Amino acid sequence: MRRDVFQAIADPTRRAIIGLIALQAMTPNALAEHFDTSRQAISKHLRILNECQLVKQEVQGREIYYQLEISKMKEIDEWLEKFRKIWENRFIELDNVLLTLKNRENEQ
């Protein structure tokens, strides 16, 4: 089953996992040490992230390491970029309005 990326990153634990593996690849056990939850719960979160292609697995011996899938994160960033630009423009417009009001106040 293919899951929605935005549903996956809506969960704070999954966002925290992404933050951790963005720094270095980690095993489920190593990740579980950072949370007050079971290793099985972390594995479930990792499965969801893997189904969304936000993480990828690499087997090294008997261990499975999870690492961030950068290309998928770039897709999310590109989607968010259009909204970022809209809000930046709105803040610039607000700054201009406030500056105009301040200038009028100083002129009086």
C-alpha atoms as a PDB file:
ATOM      1  CA  MET A   1       0.000   0.000   0.000  1.00  0.00           C
ATOM      2  CA  ARG A   2       1.406   3.374  -0.990  1.00  0.00           C
ATOM      3  CA  ARG A   3       0.906   6.005   1.699  1.00  0.00           C
ATOM      4  CA  ASP A   4       0.643   9.752   1.420  1.00  0.00           C
ATOM      5  CA  VAL A   5       3.882  11.573   2.221  1.00  0.00           C
ATOM      6  CA  PHE A   6       2.117  14.384   4.038  1.00  0.00           C
ATOM      7  CA  GLN A   7       0.253  11.960   6.288  1.00  0.00           C
ATOM      8  CA  ALA A   8       3.593  10.377   7.095  1.00  0.00           C
ATOM      9  CA  ILE A   9       5.287  13.632   8.067  1.00  0.00           C
ATOM     10  CA  ALA A  10       2.222  14.803  10.013  1.00  0.00           C
ATOM     11  CA  ASP A  11       3.238  12.536  12.885  1.00  0.00           C
ATOM     12  CA  PRO A  12       5.738  14.166  15.300  1.00  0.00           C
ATOM     13  CA  THR A  13       7.567  10.895  15.977  1.00  0.00           C
ATOM     14  CA  ARG A  14       8.129  10.322  12.265  1.00  0.00           C
ATOM     15  CA  ARG A  15       9.355  13.907  11.862  1.00  0.00           C
ATOM     16  CA  ALA A  16      11.785  13.308  14.721  1.00  0.00           C
ATOM     17  CA  ILE A  17      12.985  10.076  13.093  1.00  0.00           C
ATOM     18  CA  ILE A  18      13.560  11.966   9.834  1.00  0.00           C
ATOM     19  CA  GLY A  19      15.552  14.559  11.767  1.00  0.00           C
ATOM     20  CA  LEU A  20      17.741  11.893  13.330  1.00  0.00           C
ATOM     21  CA  ILE A  21      18.474   9.928  10.173  1.00  0.00           C
ATOM     22  CA  ALA A  22      19.110  13.136   8.252  1.00  0.00           C
ATOM     23  CA  LEU A  23      22.311  13.349  10.288  1.00  0.00           C
ATOM     24  CA  GLN A  24      23.362   9.710   9.887  1.00  0.00           C
ATOM     25  CA  ALA A  25      21.978   6.307   8.957  1.00  0.00           C
ATOM     26  CA  MET A  26      20.617   4.480  11.992  1.00  0.00           C
ATOM     27  CA  THR A  27      19.258   1.094  12.971  1.00  0.00           C
ATOM     28  CA  PRO A  28      15.791   0.739  14.505  1.00  0.00           C
ATOM     29  CA  ASN A  29      17.400  -0.072  17.870  1.00  0.00           C
ATOM     30  CA  ALA A  30      19.556   3.058  17.754  1.00  0.00           C
ATOM     31  CA  LEU A  31      16.514   5.130  16.847  1.00  0.00           C
ATOM     32  CA  ALA A  32      14.419   3.595  19.631  1.00  0.00           C
ATOM     33  CA  GLU A  33      16.964   4.831  22.195  1.00  0.00           C
ATOM     34  CA  HIS A  34      15.878   8.405  21.365  1.00  0.00           C
ATOM     35  CA  PHE A  35      12.201   7.791  22.130  1.00  0.00           C
ATOM     36  CA  ASP A  36      10.083   6.741  25.055  1.00  0.00           C
ATOM     37  CA  THR A  37       8.408   4.023  23.030  1.00  0.00           C
ATOM     38  CA  SER A  38       9.008   0.415  22.006  1.00  0.00           C
ATOM     39  CA  ARG A  39      11.266  -0.737  19.231  1.00  0.00           C
ATOM     40  CA  GLN A  40       8.185  -2.227  17.561  1.00  0.00           C
ATOM     41  CA  ALA A  41       6.539   1.211  17.473  1.00  0.00           C
ATOM     42  CA  ILE A  42       9.660   2.683  15.893  1.00  0.00           C
ATOM     43  CA  SER A  43       9.667  -0.137  13.335  1.00  0.00           C
ATOM     44  CA  LYS A  44       6.064   0.699  12.449  1.00  0.00           C
ATOM     45  CA  HIS A  45       6.990   4.350  11.939  1.00  0.00           C
ATOM     46  CA  LEU A  46       9.953   3.292   9.791  1.00  0.00           C
ATOM     47  CA  ARG A  47       7.713   1.034   7.706  1.00  0.00           C
ATOM     48  CA  ILE A  48       5.372   3.955   7.005  1.00  0.00           C
ATOM     49  CA  LEU A  49       8.293   6.227   6.104  1.00  0.00           C
ATOM     50  CA  ASN A  50       9.690   3.494   3.862  1.00  0.00           C
ATOM     51  CA  GLU A  51       6.321   2.997   2.124  1.00  0.00           C
ATOM     52  CA  CYS A  52       6.306   6.734   1.382  1.00  0.00           C
ATOM     53  CA  GLN A  53       9.857   6.470   0.074  1.00  0.00           C
ATOM     54  CA  LEU A  54      11.087   9.037   2.614  1.00  0.00           C
ATOM     55  CA  VAL A  55      13.685   6.593   3.913  1.00  0.00           C
ATOM     56  CA  LYS A  56      15.603   3.764   2.362  1.00  0.00           C
ATOM     57  CA  GLN A  57      17.061   0.639   3.907  1.00  0.00           C
ATOM     58  CA  GLU A  58      20.610  -0.571   3.636  1.00  0.00           C
ATOM     59  CA  VAL A  59      21.543  -3.988   4.962  1.00  0.00           C
ATOM     60  CA  GLN A  60      24.983  -4.224   6.547  1.00  0.00           C
ATOM     61  CA  GLY A  61      25.589  -7.694   7.907  1.00  0.00           C
ATOM     62  CA  ARG A  62      22.683  -8.519  10.193  1.00  0.00           C
ATOM     63  CA  GLU A  63      21.716  -4.901  10.723  1.00  0.00           C
ATOM     64  CA  ILE A  64      19.326  -2.763   8.695  1.00  0.00           C
ATOM     65  CA  TYR A  65      20.263   0.903   8.536  1.00  0.00           C
ATOM     66  CA  TYR A  66      17.736   3.537   7.581  1.00  0.00           C
ATOM     67  CA  GLN A  67      18.780   6.683   5.810  1.00  0.00           C
ATOM     68  CA  LEU A  68      16.942   9.665   4.456  1.00  0.00           C
ATOM     69  CA  GLU A  69      15.805   9.583   0.828  1.00  0.00           C
ATOM     70  CA  ILE A  70      16.949  13.054  -0.213  1.00  0.00           C
ATOM     71  CA  SER A  71      15.154  13.082  -3.577  1.00  0.00           C
ATOM     72  CA  LYS A  72      11.765  12.576  -1.888  1.00  0.00           C
ATOM     73  CA  MET A  73      12.523  15.348   0.607  1.00  0.00           C
ATOM     74  CA  LYS A  74      13.350  17.625  -2.334  1.00  0.00           C
ATOM     75  CA  GLU A  75       9.903  16.892  -3.809  1.00  0.00           C
ATOM     76  CA  ILE A  76       8.287  18.035  -0.567  1.00  0.00           C
ATOM     77  CA  ASP A  77      10.464  21.135  -0.486  1.00  0.00           C
ATOM     78  CA  GLU A  78       9.574  22.015  -4.085  1.00  0.00           C
ATOM     79  CA  TRP A  79       5.870  21.700  -3.281  1.00  0.00           C
ATOM     80  CA  LEU A  80       6.261  23.902  -0.202  1.00  0.00           C
ATOM     81  CA  GLU A  81       8.340  26.479  -2.079  1.00  0.00           C
ATOM     82  CA  LYS A  82       5.339  27.961  -3.882  1.00  0.00           C
ATOM     83  CA  PHE A  83       3.639  28.593  -0.535  1.00  0.00           C
ATOM     84  CA  ARG A  84       6.832  29.994   0.917  1.00  0.00           C
ATOM     85  CA  LYS A  85       6.967  32.537  -1.899  1.00  0.00           C
ATOM     86  CA  ILE A  86       3.320  33.514  -1.390  1.00  0.00           C
ATOM     87  CA  TRP A  87       3.885  34.148   2.317  1.00  0.00           C
ATOM     88  CA  GLU A  88       7.142  35.993   1.729  1.00  0.00           C
ATOM     89  CA  ASN A  89       5.346  38.306  -0.694  1.00  0.00           C
ATOM     90  CA  ARG A  90       2.550  38.883   1.805  1.00  0.00           C
ATOM     91  CA  PHE A  91       5.054  39.762   4.517  1.00  0.00           C
ATOM     92  CA  ILE A  92       6.812  42.171   2.167  1.00  0.00           C
ATOM     93  CA  GLU A  93       3.451  43.811   1.415  1.00  0.00           C
ATOM     94  CA  LEU A  94       2.693  44.034   5.133  1.00  0.00           C
ATOM     95  CA  ASP A  95       6.110  45.582   5.785  1.00  0.00           C
ATOM     96  CA  ASN A  96       5.394  48.182   3.100  1.00  0.00           C
ATOM     97  CA  VAL A  97       1.994  49.028   4.615  1.00  0.00           C
ATOM     98  CA  LEU A  98       3.484  49.340   8.099  1.00  0.00           C
ATOM     99  CA  LEU A  99       6.333  51.493   6.802  1.00  0.00           C
ATOM    100  CA  THR A 100       3.843  53.769   5.019  1.00  0.00           C
ATOM    101  CA  LEU A 101       1.791  54.107   8.211  1.00  0.00           C
ATOM    102  CA  LYS A 102       4.900  54.838  10.238  1.00  0.00           C
ATOM    103  CA  ASN A 103       6.042  57.504   7.737  1.00  0.00           C
ATOM    104  CA  ARG A 104       2.604  59.156   7.829  1.00  0.00           C
ATOM    105  CA  GLU A 105       2.694  59.156  11.622  1.00  0.00           C
ATOM    106  CA  ASN A 106       6.142  60.752  11.644  1.00  0.00           C
ATOM    107  CA  GLU A 107       4.988  63.427   9.174  1.00  0.00           C
ATOM    108  CA  GLN A 108       2.180  64.564  11.483  1.00  0.00           C
END
